[in-house]
Amino acid sequence: MAYAQTIMQGGLSAGTSLAIAGGIATGISAAGTTQGTATDLAALGGHMISTAAASSGVQIYPGSPGDDT
């Protein structure tokens, strides 16, 4: 998936570019030690995990066929 900055280089506004790219979530902390307790990631274009202790993790959203992760 393209980044908003790349889309903006084509002449689209920042808001439109974020809508196309799906946005980016920041400040995510990994948690949990099993799949059931891991931090769930939303269906966005990107994620920036700021904290990830040993044995902790995140899980991606289920998605649909053809989705990028």
N, C-alpha and C. Protein backbone atom coordinates (compact mmCIF):
# COMPACT_ATOMS: atom_id res chain seq x y z
N MET A 1 0.84 -1.17 0.00
CA MET A 1 0.00 0.00 0.00
C MET A 1 0.89 1.23 0.00
N ALA A 2 0.47 2.24 -0.71
CA ALA A 2 1.24 3.48 -0.82
C ALA A 2 1.13 4.30 0.46
N TYR A 3 2.18 5.05 0.74
CA TYR A 3 2.16 5.97 1.87
C TYR A 3 1.53 7.28 1.44
N ALA A 4 0.92 7.98 2.42
CA ALA A 4 0.25 9.25 2.12
C ALA A 4 1.20 10.24 1.46
N GLN A 5 2.45 10.27 1.93
CA GLN A 5 3.42 11.21 1.36
C GLN A 5 3.63 10.93 -0.13
N THR A 6 3.69 9.68 -0.50
CA THR A 6 3.87 9.32 -1.90
C THR A 6 2.66 9.74 -2.73
N ILE A 7 1.47 9.54 -2.17
CA ILE A 7 0.24 9.92 -2.87
C ILE A 7 0.17 11.43 -3.03
N MET A 8 0.62 12.19 -2.02
CA MET A 8 0.61 13.65 -2.08
C MET A 8 1.51 14.16 -3.19
N GLN A 9 2.57 13.44 -3.51
CA GLN A 9 3.47 13.86 -4.58
C GLN A 9 2.75 13.85 -5.93
N GLY A 10 1.64 13.13 -6.01
CA GLY A 10 0.84 13.11 -7.22
C GLY A 10 -0.14 14.28 -7.30
N GLY A 11 -0.13 15.15 -6.27
CA GLY A 11 -0.96 16.34 -6.31
C GLY A 11 -2.22 16.29 -5.47
N LEU A 12 -2.44 15.22 -4.72
CA LEU A 12 -3.63 15.14 -3.87
C LEU A 12 -3.36 15.78 -2.52
N SER A 13 -4.43 16.20 -1.85
CA SER A 13 -4.29 16.84 -0.53
C SER A 13 -3.90 15.81 0.52
N ALA A 14 -3.44 16.31 1.67
CA ALA A 14 -3.05 15.42 2.77
C ALA A 14 -4.23 14.59 3.25
N GLY A 15 -5.40 15.22 3.40
CA GLY A 15 -6.59 14.50 3.86
C GLY A 15 -7.00 13.39 2.91
N THR A 16 -6.98 13.69 1.63
CA THR A 16 -7.33 12.70 0.62
C THR A 16 -6.30 11.58 0.62
N SER A 17 -5.04 11.94 0.74
CA SER A 17 -3.97 10.94 0.73
C SER A 17 -4.09 9.99 1.91
N LEU A 18 -4.41 10.53 3.10
CA LEU A 18 -4.58 9.67 4.27
C LEU A 18 -5.79 8.76 4.11
N ALA A 19 -6.84 9.26 3.50
CA ALA A 19 -8.03 8.43 3.28
C ALA A 19 -7.71 7.28 2.34
N ILE A 20 -6.93 7.54 1.30
CA ILE A 20 -6.55 6.49 0.35
C ILE A 20 -5.60 5.50 1.02
N ALA A 21 -4.61 6.00 1.73
CA ALA A 21 -3.60 5.15 2.35
C ALA A 21 -4.15 4.40 3.56
N GLY A 22 -5.21 4.91 4.15
CA GLY A 22 -5.78 4.23 5.31
C GLY A 22 -5.30 4.80 6.62
N GLY A 23 -4.41 5.75 6.62
CA GLY A 23 -3.93 6.35 7.85
C GLY A 23 -2.85 5.52 8.52
N ILE A 24 -2.25 6.11 9.53
CA ILE A 24 -1.20 5.43 10.29
C ILE A 24 -1.47 5.60 11.77
N ALA A 25 -1.46 4.50 12.50
CA ALA A 25 -1.64 4.54 13.94
C ALA A 25 -0.26 4.59 14.60
N THR A 26 -0.08 5.50 15.55
CA THR A 26 1.21 5.63 16.24
C THR A 26 1.02 5.41 17.73
N GLY A 27 2.13 5.24 18.43
CA GLY A 27 2.10 5.10 19.88
C GLY A 27 1.49 3.80 20.37
N ILE A 28 1.59 2.75 19.58
CA ILE A 28 1.02 1.46 19.96
C ILE A 28 2.00 0.71 20.86
N SER A 29 1.49 0.11 21.92
CA SER A 29 2.31 -0.71 22.82
C SER A 29 1.89 -2.16 22.68
N ALA A 30 2.86 -3.02 22.42
CA ALA A 30 2.58 -4.45 22.36
C ALA A 30 2.29 -4.95 23.77
N ALA A 31 1.35 -5.89 23.89
CA ALA A 31 0.98 -6.41 25.20
C ALA A 31 0.57 -7.87 25.06
N GLY A 32 0.44 -8.51 26.20
CA GLY A 32 -0.04 -9.88 26.21
C GLY A 32 1.03 -10.88 25.83
N THR A 33 0.81 -12.12 26.27
CA THR A 33 1.77 -13.18 25.98
C THR A 33 1.15 -14.29 25.13
N THR A 34 -0.13 -14.15 24.81
CA THR A 34 -0.80 -15.12 23.95
C THR A 34 -1.55 -14.36 22.86
N GLN A 35 -2.04 -15.09 21.87
CA GLN A 35 -2.79 -14.45 20.80
C GLN A 35 -4.06 -13.80 21.34
N GLY A 36 -4.66 -14.38 22.37
CA GLY A 36 -5.88 -13.84 22.94
C GLY A 36 -5.68 -12.56 23.73
N THR A 37 -4.45 -12.31 24.21
CA THR A 37 -4.20 -11.11 25.01
C THR A 37 -3.30 -10.10 24.32
N ALA A 38 -2.88 -10.41 23.10
CA ALA A 38 -2.02 -9.47 22.34
C ALA A 38 -2.82 -8.23 21.96
N THR A 39 -2.11 -7.12 21.75
CA THR A 39 -2.73 -5.88 21.31
C THR A 39 -3.28 -6.06 19.90
N ASP A 40 -4.55 -5.74 19.70
CA ASP A 40 -5.16 -5.83 18.37
C ASP A 40 -4.82 -4.60 17.55
N LEU A 41 -4.43 -4.80 16.31
CA LEU A 41 -4.16 -3.68 15.40
C LEU A 41 -5.39 -3.44 14.54
N ALA A 42 -5.73 -2.18 14.36
CA ALA A 42 -6.88 -1.80 13.54
C ALA A 42 -6.54 -1.96 12.06
N ALA A 43 -7.57 -1.93 11.23
CA ALA A 43 -7.39 -2.07 9.79
C ALA A 43 -7.00 -0.73 9.19
N LEU A 44 -5.75 -0.35 9.36
CA LEU A 44 -5.23 0.90 8.82
C LEU A 44 -4.13 0.60 7.83
N GLY A 45 -3.63 1.65 7.19
CA GLY A 45 -2.55 1.47 6.24
C GLY A 45 -1.21 1.19 6.88
N GLY A 46 -1.01 1.59 8.13
CA GLY A 46 0.28 1.37 8.78
C GLY A 46 0.17 1.48 10.28
N HIS A 47 1.13 0.90 10.95
CA HIS A 47 1.17 0.91 12.41
C HIS A 47 2.60 1.17 12.86
N MET A 48 2.76 2.01 13.87
CA MET A 48 4.07 2.28 14.44
C MET A 48 4.03 1.83 15.90
N ILE A 49 4.68 0.72 16.18
CA ILE A 49 4.70 0.17 17.53
C ILE A 49 5.85 0.80 18.27
N SER A 50 5.53 1.53 19.35
CA SER A 50 6.56 2.27 20.08
C SER A 50 7.14 1.48 21.23
N THR A 51 6.40 0.56 21.78
CA THR A 51 6.88 -0.23 22.92
C THR A 51 6.56 -1.69 22.70
N ALA A 52 7.57 -2.55 22.83
CA ALA A 52 7.36 -3.99 22.68
C ALA A 52 8.33 -4.72 23.60
N ALA A 53 7.84 -5.07 24.77
CA ALA A 53 8.66 -5.81 25.73
C ALA A 53 8.85 -7.25 25.26
N ALA A 54 9.83 -7.92 25.83
CA ALA A 54 10.07 -9.32 25.49
C ALA A 54 8.82 -10.14 25.76
N SER A 55 8.53 -11.07 24.89
CA SER A 55 7.38 -11.98 25.00
C SER A 55 6.03 -11.29 24.91
N SER A 56 5.98 -10.08 24.35
CA SER A 56 4.70 -9.41 24.13
C SER A 56 4.50 -9.29 22.64
N GLY A 57 3.27 -8.99 22.24
CA GLY A 57 3.06 -8.90 20.80
C GLY A 57 1.79 -8.20 20.40
N VAL A 58 1.59 -8.14 19.10
CA VAL A 58 0.40 -7.56 18.49
C VAL A 58 -0.16 -8.57 17.50
N GLN A 59 -1.43 -8.41 17.16
CA GLN A 59 -2.00 -9.27 16.11
C GLN A 59 -2.71 -8.40 15.10
N ILE A 60 -2.53 -8.76 13.83
CA ILE A 60 -3.14 -7.98 12.76
C ILE A 60 -4.63 -8.32 12.66
N TYR A 61 -5.39 -7.41 12.08
CA TYR A 61 -6.83 -7.64 11.90
C TYR A 61 -7.03 -8.77 10.91
N PRO A 62 -8.17 -9.43 10.96
CA PRO A 62 -8.39 -10.59 10.08
C PRO A 62 -8.32 -10.26 8.60
N GLY A 63 -8.81 -9.11 8.18
CA GLY A 63 -8.73 -8.72 6.79
C GLY A 63 -9.62 -9.53 5.86
N SER A 64 -9.46 -9.25 4.59
CA SER A 64 -10.21 -9.92 3.53
C SER A 64 -9.23 -10.35 2.45
N PRO A 65 -9.62 -11.30 1.61
CA PRO A 65 -8.71 -11.70 0.53
C PRO A 65 -8.30 -10.50 -0.31
N GLY A 66 -7.02 -10.39 -0.58
CA GLY A 66 -6.49 -9.29 -1.39
C GLY A 66 -5.99 -8.11 -0.58
N ASP A 67 -6.24 -8.10 0.74
CA ASP A 67 -5.75 -7.00 1.59
C ASP A 67 -4.25 -7.10 1.74
N ASP A 68 -3.59 -5.94 1.90
CA ASP A 68 -2.16 -5.87 2.20
C ASP A 68 -1.99 -5.69 3.69
N THR A 69 -0.90 -6.20 4.22
CA THR A 69 -0.58 -5.99 5.63
C THR A 69 0.76 -5.35 5.76
